[in-house]
Amino acid sequence: MSEDIRETVRQKYAEAITQKTGGCCSSGGSSCCCGTPGAATDMITGGLYRPEEVEGLPAEALAATFGCGNPTALAQLHAGEIVLDLGSGAGLDVLLSARRVGPSGKAYGLDMTDEMLAEARNNQAKAGLENVEFLKGHLEEIPLPDNSVDVIISNCVINLSADKDVVLHEAFRVLKPGGRFAVSDIVLTRPLPAKLREDLLVWAGCVGGALLDEEYRAKLVAAGFTGVEVEVTRVYDLNDMLVVQLFPSLSEDERMEANGSVVSAFIRASKPA
């Protein structure tokens, strides 16, 4: 099933960027619609990025953001550091990171979708940032050497992988000793109905593959991370009309029962020095 999940996700995000449907999971509404055309919300008015943060960056990078948070807000970045964004999409978080680490640092973006990579490289050119590189690849096979990255960020993407243990071990591998893991992601406070977890479109909508918060902690520890923190930042209303579109197989009673179980969170951890 893992290849089916990967291909469904790739198709949905290729479709989303081609249609320029805009972002999702904004705090301006209660929906979480990552990559779901027609359910877009405005990331800026949603309050995930401060206007001064994104000043001077291409409007296209802002309009094509599909995240559930602002990982650059929780990652302390310093001049000269190397940052890797897992699932970089149209490149907004990579460009933000590149500005913060400065010319002596570097920001990598990793994505598997050709359409996303093309958009990201166009946005990089418009932003005029040279300390940026976008890589094609999978989160389960990061195309970087061991101990090569200071900080890993990600914005609502790790939940899309069918093998999160491998993703987290790969993240640990490429981080330098003392490196930081600082991501935004969708997590669950209690299990979802089985039929949702088996629905490929719900996976592509950032929900079907989400881990329980304690599962996320346990997998990070198993990968070798320390100082693990999971901070809930938003609780999604599964009765919101935009969200209902993601769960057509659920009855109203089932939605009511599951309501409050899907949240976005900041997840932090470190690789021992």
C-alpha atoms as a PDB file:
ATOM      1  CA  MET A   1       0.000   0.000   0.000  1.00  0.00           C
ATOM      2  CA  SER A   2       2.951   2.350   0.578  1.00  0.00           C
ATOM      3  CA  GLU A   3       3.520   2.888  -3.168  1.00  0.00           C
ATOM      4  CA  ASP A   4      -0.200   3.566  -3.646  1.00  0.00           C
ATOM      5  CA  ILE A   5      -0.058   6.181  -0.880  1.00  0.00           C
ATOM      6  CA  ARG A   6       3.028   7.824  -2.354  1.00  0.00           C
ATOM      7  CA  GLU A   7       1.534   7.993  -5.852  1.00  0.00           C
ATOM      8  CA  THR A   8      -1.798   9.357  -4.587  1.00  0.00           C
ATOM      9  CA  VAL A   9       0.003  12.055  -2.624  1.00  0.00           C
ATOM     10  CA  ARG A  10       2.195  12.929  -5.608  1.00  0.00           C
ATOM     11  CA  GLN A  11      -0.813  13.232  -7.921  1.00  0.00           C
ATOM     12  CA  LYS A  12      -2.823  15.362  -5.489  1.00  0.00           C
ATOM     13  CA  TYR A  13       0.011  17.812  -4.882  1.00  0.00           C
ATOM     14  CA  ALA A  14       0.913  17.998  -8.563  1.00  0.00           C
ATOM     15  CA  GLU A  15      -2.734  18.807  -9.257  1.00  0.00           C
ATOM     16  CA  ALA A  16      -2.851  21.349  -6.450  1.00  0.00           C
ATOM     17  CA  ILE A  17       0.246  23.275  -7.547  1.00  0.00           C
ATOM     18  CA  THR A  18      -0.826  23.167 -11.194  1.00  0.00           C
ATOM     19  CA  GLN A  19      -4.172  24.698 -10.250  1.00  0.00           C
ATOM     20  CA  LYS A  20      -2.496  27.069  -7.749  1.00  0.00           C
ATOM     21  CA  THR A  21      -5.225  26.299  -5.238  1.00  0.00           C
ATOM     22  CA  GLY A  22      -3.452  27.935  -2.337  1.00  0.00           C
ATOM     23  CA  GLY A  23      -2.764  26.866   1.208  1.00  0.00           C
ATOM     24  CA  CYS A  24      -4.569  24.912   3.836  1.00  0.00           C
ATOM     25  CA  CYS A  25      -4.858  24.403   7.549  1.00  0.00           C
ATOM     26  CA  SER A  26      -4.958  28.141   8.228  1.00  0.00           C
ATOM     27  CA  SER A  27      -6.105  29.480  11.556  1.00  0.00           C
ATOM     28  CA  GLY A  28      -8.545  31.699   9.715  1.00  0.00           C
ATOM     29  CA  GLY A  29     -10.804  28.656   9.453  1.00  0.00           C
ATOM     30  CA  SER A  30     -11.119  25.353  11.153  1.00  0.00           C
ATOM     31  CA  SER A  31     -10.281  23.167   8.202  1.00  0.00           C
ATOM     32  CA  CYS A  32      -7.245  21.053   7.458  1.00  0.00           C
ATOM     33  CA  CYS A  33      -7.208  20.500   3.728  1.00  0.00           C
ATOM     34  CA  CYS A  34      -3.595  19.937   2.762  1.00  0.00           C
ATOM     35  CA  GLY A  35      -3.372  19.637  -0.993  1.00  0.00           C
ATOM     36  CA  THR A  36      -7.127  19.436  -1.477  1.00  0.00           C
ATOM     37  CA  PRO A  37      -8.229  21.608  -4.424  1.00  0.00           C
ATOM     38  CA  GLY A  38     -11.211  23.847  -3.766  1.00  0.00           C
ATOM     39  CA  ALA A  39     -10.749  24.070  -0.014  1.00  0.00           C
ATOM     40  CA  ALA A  40      -8.017  26.696  -0.014  1.00  0.00           C
ATOM     41  CA  THR A  41      -7.605  29.326   2.651  1.00  0.00           C
ATOM     42  CA  ASP A  42      -5.287  32.316   2.873  1.00  0.00           C
ATOM     43  CA  MET A  43      -2.130  31.488   4.803  1.00  0.00           C
ATOM     44  CA  ILE A  44      -1.260  35.113   5.490  1.00  0.00           C
ATOM     45  CA  THR A  45      -4.606  36.204   6.899  1.00  0.00           C
ATOM     46  CA  GLY A  46      -4.623  32.855   8.667  1.00  0.00           C
ATOM     47  CA  GLY A  47      -1.767  34.204  10.759  1.00  0.00           C
ATOM     48  CA  LEU A  48       0.819  31.479  10.150  1.00  0.00           C
ATOM     49  CA  TYR A  49       3.371  33.930   8.762  1.00  0.00           C
ATOM     50  CA  ARG A  50       3.868  37.502   9.926  1.00  0.00           C
ATOM     51  CA  PRO A  51       3.770  40.100   7.124  1.00  0.00           C
ATOM     52  CA  GLU A  52       7.302  41.252   7.946  1.00  0.00           C
ATOM     53  CA  GLU A  53       8.570  37.671   7.616  1.00  0.00           C
ATOM     54  CA  VAL A  54       7.384  37.260   4.052  1.00  0.00           C
ATOM     55  CA  GLU A  55       8.014  40.791   2.839  1.00  0.00           C
ATOM     56  CA  GLY A  56       9.895  40.726  -0.452  1.00  0.00           C
ATOM     57  CA  LEU A  57       9.224  37.076  -1.220  1.00  0.00           C
ATOM     58  CA  PRO A  58       7.319  36.081  -4.390  1.00  0.00           C
ATOM     59  CA  ALA A  59       3.542  36.151  -4.070  1.00  0.00           C
ATOM     60  CA  GLU A  60       3.509  32.769  -5.818  1.00  0.00           C
ATOM     61  CA  ALA A  61       5.367  31.181  -2.910  1.00  0.00           C
ATOM     62  CA  LEU A  62       2.731  32.472  -0.512  1.00  0.00           C
ATOM     63  CA  ALA A  63      -0.221  31.512  -2.688  1.00  0.00           C
ATOM     64  CA  ALA A  64       0.973  27.931  -3.129  1.00  0.00           C
ATOM     65  CA  THR A  65       1.661  26.975   0.475  1.00  0.00           C
ATOM     66  CA  PHE A  66      -0.007  23.792   1.729  1.00  0.00           C
ATOM     67  CA  GLY A  67       1.220  23.670   5.312  1.00  0.00           C
ATOM     68  CA  CYS A  68      -0.371  23.436   8.727  1.00  0.00           C
ATOM     69  CA  GLY A  69       2.023  25.721  10.582  1.00  0.00           C
ATOM     70  CA  ASN A  70       5.129  27.862  10.360  1.00  0.00           C
ATOM     71  CA  PRO A  71       8.120  25.673  11.222  1.00  0.00           C
ATOM     72  CA  THR A  72      10.533  28.559  10.712  1.00  0.00           C
ATOM     73  CA  ALA A  73       8.894  30.243  13.713  1.00  0.00           C
ATOM     74  CA  LEU A  74       9.842  27.428  16.081  1.00  0.00           C
ATOM     75  CA  ALA A  75      13.308  26.675  14.721  1.00  0.00           C
ATOM     76  CA  GLN A  76      16.097  28.878  16.023  1.00  0.00           C
ATOM     77  CA  LEU A  77      18.256  29.474  12.967  1.00  0.00           C
ATOM     78  CA  HIS A  78      21.682  31.082  13.063  1.00  0.00           C
ATOM     79  CA  ALA A  79      23.947  32.590  10.429  1.00  0.00           C
ATOM     80  CA  GLY A  80      26.016  29.971   8.640  1.00  0.00           C
ATOM     81  CA  GLU A  81      23.777  27.012   9.474  1.00  0.00           C
ATOM     82  CA  ILE A  82      22.508  24.406   7.022  1.00  0.00           C
ATOM     83  CA  VAL A  83      18.749  23.790   6.993  1.00  0.00           C
ATOM     84  CA  LEU A  84      16.769  21.009   5.321  1.00  0.00           C
ATOM     85  CA  ASP A  85      13.027  21.285   4.651  1.00  0.00           C
ATOM     86  CA  LEU A  86      11.401  17.871   4.224  1.00  0.00           C
ATOM     87  CA  GLY A  87       8.616  18.160   1.645  1.00  0.00           C
ATOM     88  CA  SER A  88       9.435  21.711   0.622  1.00  0.00           C
ATOM     89  CA  GLY A  89       6.600  22.243  -1.879  1.00  0.00           C
ATOM     90  CA  ALA A  90       6.689  25.678  -3.504  1.00  0.00           C
ATOM     91  CA  GLY A  91       9.622  26.656  -1.313  1.00  0.00           C
ATOM     92  CA  LEU A  92       8.315  29.307   1.088  1.00  0.00           C
ATOM     93  CA  ASP A  93       9.880  27.823   4.230  1.00  0.00           C
ATOM     94  CA  VAL A  94      13.152  27.195   2.389  1.00  0.00           C
ATOM     95  CA  LEU A  95      13.332  30.822   1.247  1.00  0.00           C
ATOM     96  CA  LEU A  96      12.533  32.068   4.749  1.00  0.00           C
ATOM     97  CA  SER A  97      15.236  29.830   6.186  1.00  0.00           C
ATOM     98  CA  ALA A  98      17.794  30.915   3.589  1.00  0.00           C
ATOM     99  CA  ARG A  99      17.313  34.555   4.530  1.00  0.00           C
ATOM    100  CA  ARG A 100      17.816  33.747   8.209  1.00  0.00           C
ATOM    101  CA  VAL A 101      21.001  31.681   7.822  1.00  0.00           C
ATOM    102  CA  GLY A 102      22.462  34.248   5.439  1.00  0.00           C
ATOM    103  CA  PRO A 103      24.959  33.875   2.587  1.00  0.00           C
ATOM    104  CA  SER A 104      27.331  31.791   4.730  1.00  0.00           C
ATOM    105  CA  GLY A 105      24.571  29.244   5.361  1.00  0.00           C
ATOM    106  CA  LYS A 106      22.409  27.148   3.082  1.00  0.00           C
ATOM    107  CA  ALA A 107      18.807  25.949   2.868  1.00  0.00           C
ATOM    108  CA  TYR A 108      17.885  22.710   1.108  1.00  0.00           C
ATOM    109  CA  GLY A 109      14.374  21.770   0.047  1.00  0.00           C
ATOM    110  CA  LEU A 110      13.470  18.133  -0.623  1.00  0.00           C
ATOM    111  CA  ASP A 111      10.382  17.186  -2.617  1.00  0.00           C
ATOM    112  CA  MET A 112       9.308  14.272  -4.826  1.00  0.00           C
ATOM    113  CA  THR A 113       6.935  16.206  -7.101  1.00  0.00           C
ATOM    114  CA  ASP A 114       8.365  17.660 -10.315  1.00  0.00           C
ATOM    115  CA  GLU A 115       5.684  20.337 -10.506  1.00  0.00           C
ATOM    116  CA  MET A 116       6.447  21.503  -6.961  1.00  0.00           C
ATOM    117  CA  LEU A 117      10.190  21.573  -7.624  1.00  0.00           C
ATOM    118  CA  ALA A 118       9.695  23.648 -10.784  1.00  0.00           C
ATOM    119  CA  GLU A 119       7.544  26.140  -8.865  1.00  0.00           C
ATOM    120  CA  ALA A 120      10.056  26.286  -6.013  1.00  0.00           C
ATOM    121  CA  ARG A 121      12.977  26.973  -8.348  1.00  0.00           C
ATOM    122  CA  ASN A 122      11.009  29.730 -10.077  1.00  0.00           C
ATOM    123  CA  ASN A 123      10.286  31.270  -6.679  1.00  0.00           C
ATOM    124  CA  GLN A 124      13.956  31.034  -5.726  1.00  0.00           C
ATOM    125  CA  ALA A 125      14.930  32.879  -8.914  1.00  0.00           C
ATOM    126  CA  LYS A 126      12.363  35.607  -8.241  1.00  0.00           C
ATOM    127  CA  ALA A 127      13.594  35.975  -4.657  1.00  0.00           C
ATOM    128  CA  GLY A 128      17.195  36.272  -5.836  1.00  0.00           C
ATOM    129  CA  LEU A 129      18.521  33.873  -3.196  1.00  0.00           C
ATOM    130  CA  GLU A 130      21.639  31.892  -4.117  1.00  0.00           C
ATOM    131  CA  ASN A 131      22.090  29.910  -0.867  1.00  0.00           C
ATOM    132  CA  VAL A 132      19.180  27.598  -1.759  1.00  0.00           C
ATOM    133  CA  GLU A 133      19.088  24.189  -3.419  1.00  0.00           C
ATOM    134  CA  PHE A 134      16.019  22.103  -4.200  1.00  0.00           C
ATOM    135  CA  LEU A 135      16.521  18.334  -4.354  1.00  0.00           C
ATOM    136  CA  LYS A 136      14.278  15.674  -5.846  1.00  0.00           C
ATOM    137  CA  GLY A 137      13.784  12.668  -3.630  1.00  0.00           C
ATOM    138  CA  HIS A 138      11.802  10.919  -0.952  1.00  0.00           C
ATOM    139  CA  LEU A 139      11.720  11.546   2.777  1.00  0.00           C
ATOM    140  CA  GLU A 140      12.607   7.883   3.294  1.00  0.00           C
ATOM    141  CA  GLU A 141      15.846   8.300   1.282  1.00  0.00           C
ATOM    142  CA  ILE A 142      17.249  11.769   1.910  1.00  0.00           C
ATOM    143  CA  PRO A 143      19.931  12.493  -0.743  1.00  0.00           C
ATOM    144  CA  LEU A 144      22.398  14.095   1.672  1.00  0.00           C
ATOM    145  CA  PRO A 145      25.391  12.695   3.594  1.00  0.00           C
ATOM    146  CA  ASP A 146      25.439  11.704   7.256  1.00  0.00           C
ATOM    147  CA  ASN A 147      25.894  14.521   9.783  1.00  0.00           C
ATOM    148  CA  SER A 148      25.489  17.287   7.180  1.00  0.00           C
ATOM    149  CA  VAL A 149      22.541  19.396   8.398  1.00  0.00           C
ATOM    150  CA  ASP A 150      22.110  21.653  11.442  1.00  0.00           C
ATOM    151  CA  VAL A 151      18.323  21.928  11.425  1.00  0.00           C
ATOM    152  CA  ILE A 152      15.490  19.916   9.871  1.00  0.00           C
ATOM    153  CA  ILE A 153      12.128  21.582   9.348  1.00  0.00           C
ATOM    154  CA  SER A 154       8.924  20.324   7.713  1.00  0.00           C
ATOM    155  CA  ASN A 155       5.440  21.659   7.275  1.00  0.00           C
ATOM    156  CA  CYS A 156       2.619  19.107   7.412  1.00  0.00           C
ATOM    157  CA  VAL A 157       4.438  16.495   5.293  1.00  0.00           C
ATOM    158  CA  ILE A 158       5.871  13.718   7.466  1.00  0.00           C
ATOM    159  CA  ASN A 159       2.307  12.512   8.139  1.00  0.00           C
ATOM    160  CA  LEU A 160       2.042  11.754   4.400  1.00  0.00           C
ATOM    161  CA  SER A 161       4.725   9.058   4.529  1.00  0.00           C
ATOM    162  CA  ALA A 162       3.708   5.429   4.866  1.00  0.00           C
ATOM    163  CA  ASP A 163       6.927   4.623   6.771  1.00  0.00           C
ATOM    164  CA  LYS A 164       7.535   7.304   9.367  1.00  0.00           C
ATOM    165  CA  ASP A 165      10.099   5.213  11.249  1.00  0.00           C
ATOM    166  CA  VAL A 166      12.370   5.315   8.198  1.00  0.00           C
ATOM    167  CA  VAL A 167      11.760   9.064   7.723  1.00  0.00           C
ATOM    168  CA  LEU A 168      12.715   9.836  11.322  1.00  0.00           C
ATOM    169  CA  HIS A 169      15.795   7.600  11.193  1.00  0.00           C
ATOM    170  CA  GLU A 170      16.840   9.361   7.975  1.00  0.00           C
ATOM    171  CA  ALA A 171      16.318  12.744   9.621  1.00  0.00           C
ATOM    172  CA  PHE A 172      18.487  11.602  12.533  1.00  0.00           C
ATOM    173  CA  ARG A 173      21.166  10.340  10.126  1.00  0.00           C
ATOM    174  CA  VAL A 174      21.617  13.590   8.202  1.00  0.00           C
ATOM    175  CA  LEU A 175      21.540  15.827  11.277  1.00  0.00           C
ATOM    176  CA  LYS A 176      24.861  16.820  12.761  1.00  0.00           C
ATOM    177  CA  PRO A 177      25.473  15.923  16.415  1.00  0.00           C
ATOM    178  CA  GLY A 178      23.560  18.546  18.392  1.00  0.00           C
ATOM    179  CA  GLY A 179      21.303  19.216  15.398  1.00  0.00           C
ATOM    180  CA  ARG A 180      17.664  20.210  15.832  1.00  0.00           C
ATOM    181  CA  PHE A 181      14.419  18.745  14.516  1.00  0.00           C
ATOM    182  CA  ALA A 182      11.626  21.362  14.426  1.00  0.00           C
ATOM    183  CA  VAL A 183       8.542  20.535  12.379  1.00  0.00           C
ATOM    184  CA  SER A 184       4.857  21.350  12.103  1.00  0.00           C
ATOM    185  CA  ASP A 185       2.654  18.333  11.547  1.00  0.00           C
ATOM    186  CA  ILE A 186      -0.811  16.865  11.933  1.00  0.00           C
ATOM    187  CA  VAL A 187      -1.170  14.511  14.904  1.00  0.00           C
ATOM    188  CA  LEU A 188      -4.057  12.697  16.557  1.00  0.00           C
ATOM    189  CA  THR A 189      -5.146  12.842  20.167  1.00  0.00           C
ATOM    190  CA  ARG A 190      -7.028   9.546  19.785  1.00  0.00           C
ATOM    191  CA  PRO A 191      -7.330   6.917  17.029  1.00  0.00           C
ATOM    192  CA  LEU A 192      -9.335   7.572  13.871  1.00  0.00           C
ATOM    193  CA  PRO A 193     -11.899   5.081  12.521  1.00  0.00           C
ATOM    194  CA  ALA A 194     -10.147   2.351  10.516  1.00  0.00           C
ATOM    195  CA  LYS A 195     -11.966   3.242   7.292  1.00  0.00           C
ATOM    196  CA  LEU A 196     -10.404   6.717   7.367  1.00  0.00           C
ATOM    197  CA  ARG A 197      -6.891   5.379   7.842  1.00  0.00           C
ATOM    198  CA  GLU A 198      -7.398   3.130   4.807  1.00  0.00           C
ATOM    199  CA  ASP A 199      -8.716   5.919   2.538  1.00  0.00           C
ATOM    200  CA  LEU A 200      -5.946   7.127   0.210  1.00  0.00           C
ATOM    201  CA  LEU A 201      -7.560  10.534  -0.318  1.00  0.00           C
ATOM    202  CA  VAL A 202      -7.709  11.041   3.436  1.00  0.00           C
ATOM    203  CA  TRP A 203      -3.998  10.198   3.531  1.00  0.00           C
ATOM    204  CA  ALA A 204      -3.371  12.847   0.866  1.00  0.00           C
ATOM    205  CA  GLY A 205      -5.421  15.251   2.982  1.00  0.00           C
ATOM    206  CA  CYS A 206      -2.848  14.981   5.800  1.00  0.00           C
ATOM    207  CA  VAL A 207      -5.142  13.045   8.136  1.00  0.00           C
ATOM    208  CA  GLY A 208      -5.249   9.333   7.295  1.00  0.00           C
ATOM    209  CA  GLY A 209      -1.564   8.794   8.034  1.00  0.00           C
ATOM    210  CA  ALA A 210      -1.264  11.052  11.068  1.00  0.00           C
ATOM    211  CA  LEU A 211       0.267   9.531  14.185  1.00  0.00           C
ATOM    212  CA  LEU A 212      -1.082   9.654  17.707  1.00  0.00           C
ATOM    213  CA  ASP A 213       0.872  12.234  19.687  1.00  0.00           C
ATOM    214  CA  GLU A 214       2.409   9.557  21.928  1.00  0.00           C
ATOM    215  CA  GLU A 215       3.313   7.495  18.834  1.00  0.00           C
ATOM    216  CA  TYR A 216       5.194  10.463  17.389  1.00  0.00           C
ATOM    217  CA  ARG A 217       7.134  10.866  20.637  1.00  0.00           C
ATOM    218  CA  ALA A 218       7.961   7.159  20.794  1.00  0.00           C
ATOM    219  CA  LYS A 219       9.159   6.997  17.179  1.00  0.00           C
ATOM    220  CA  LEU A 220      11.429  10.024  17.657  1.00  0.00           C
ATOM    221  CA  VAL A 221      12.960   8.444  20.757  1.00  0.00           C
ATOM    222  CA  ALA A 222      13.381   5.132  18.919  1.00  0.00           C
ATOM    223  CA  ALA A 223      15.231   6.977  16.135  1.00  0.00           C
ATOM    224  CA  GLY A 224      17.677   8.350  18.720  1.00  0.00           C
ATOM    225  CA  PHE A 225      16.290  11.823  19.386  1.00  0.00           C
ATOM    226  CA  THR A 226      16.214  13.437  22.821  1.00  0.00           C
ATOM    227  CA  GLY A 227      14.316  16.374  24.297  1.00  0.00           C
ATOM    228  CA  VAL A 228      11.144  15.460  22.405  1.00  0.00           C
ATOM    229  CA  GLU A 229       8.271  17.953  22.711  1.00  0.00           C
ATOM    230  CA  VAL A 230       4.843  17.862  21.044  1.00  0.00           C
ATOM    231  CA  GLU A 231       2.914  21.128  21.430  1.00  0.00           C
ATOM    232  CA  VAL A 232      -0.639  21.265  20.086  1.00  0.00           C
ATOM    233  CA  THR A 233      -1.232  24.524  18.222  1.00  0.00           C
ATOM    234  CA  ARG A 234      -4.673  24.002  16.658  1.00  0.00           C
ATOM    235  CA  VAL A 235      -7.652  21.682  17.002  1.00  0.00           C
ATOM    236  CA  TYR A 236      -9.685  21.073  13.851  1.00  0.00           C
ATOM    237  CA  ASP A 237     -13.460  21.003  13.735  1.00  0.00           C
ATOM    238  CA  LEU A 238     -14.441  17.894  11.794  1.00  0.00           C
ATOM    239  CA  ASN A 239     -17.951  19.296  11.379  1.00  0.00           C
ATOM    240  CA  ASP A 240     -16.684  22.291   9.412  1.00  0.00           C
ATOM    241  CA  MET A 241     -18.077  22.055   5.861  1.00  0.00           C
ATOM    242  CA  LEU A 242     -14.623  22.181   4.247  1.00  0.00           C
ATOM    243  CA  VAL A 243     -13.428  19.338   6.451  1.00  0.00           C
ATOM    244  CA  VAL A 244     -16.570  17.285   5.841  1.00  0.00           C
ATOM    245  CA  GLN A 245     -15.479  17.065   2.189  1.00  0.00           C
ATOM    246  CA  LEU A 246     -12.419  15.102   3.332  1.00  0.00           C
ATOM    247  CA  PHE A 247     -14.540  12.519   5.149  1.00  0.00           C
ATOM    248  CA  PRO A 248     -17.413  11.608   2.819  1.00  0.00           C
ATOM    249  CA  SER A 249     -17.454   8.043   4.171  1.00  0.00           C
ATOM    250  CA  LEU A 250     -18.165   9.153   7.748  1.00  0.00           C
ATOM    251  CA  SER A 251     -21.677   9.505   9.084  1.00  0.00           C
ATOM    252  CA  GLU A 252     -22.566  12.561  11.137  1.00  0.00           C
ATOM    253  CA  ASP A 253     -22.454  10.466  14.315  1.00  0.00           C
ATOM    254  CA  GLU A 254     -18.992   9.151  13.438  1.00  0.00           C
ATOM    255  CA  ARG A 255     -17.734  12.676  12.746  1.00  0.00           C
ATOM    256  CA  MET A 256     -19.090  13.835  16.079  1.00  0.00           C
ATOM    257  CA  GLU A 257     -17.325  10.958  17.816  1.00  0.00           C
ATOM    258  CA  ALA A 258     -14.015  11.722  16.086  1.00  0.00           C
ATOM    259  CA  ASN A 259     -14.267  15.499  16.508  1.00  0.00           C
ATOM    260  CA  GLY A 260     -11.345  17.016  18.381  1.00  0.00           C
ATOM    261  CA  SER A 261      -9.007  14.149  17.544  1.00  0.00           C
ATOM    262  CA  VAL A 262      -7.192  15.897  14.663  1.00  0.00           C
ATOM    263  CA  VAL A 263      -4.774  18.660  15.658  1.00  0.00           C
ATOM    264  CA  SER A 264      -1.752  20.445  14.300  1.00  0.00           C
ATOM    265  CA  ALA A 265       1.331  20.576  16.476  1.00  0.00           C
ATOM    266  CA  PHE A 266       4.876  21.857  16.765  1.00  0.00           C
ATOM    267  CA  ILE A 267       7.246  18.937  17.256  1.00  0.00           C
ATOM    268  CA  ARG A 268      10.768  19.527  18.548  1.00  0.00           C
ATOM    269  CA  ALA A 269      13.659  17.201  19.259  1.00  0.00           C
ATOM    270  CA  SER A 270      17.460  17.109  19.146  1.00  0.00           C
ATOM    271  CA  LYS A 271      20.225  14.751  18.091  1.00  0.00           C
ATOM    272  CA  PRO A 272      22.586  14.213  21.009  1.00  0.00           C
ATOM    273  CA  ALA A 273      25.801  16.219  20.736  1.00  0.00           C
END
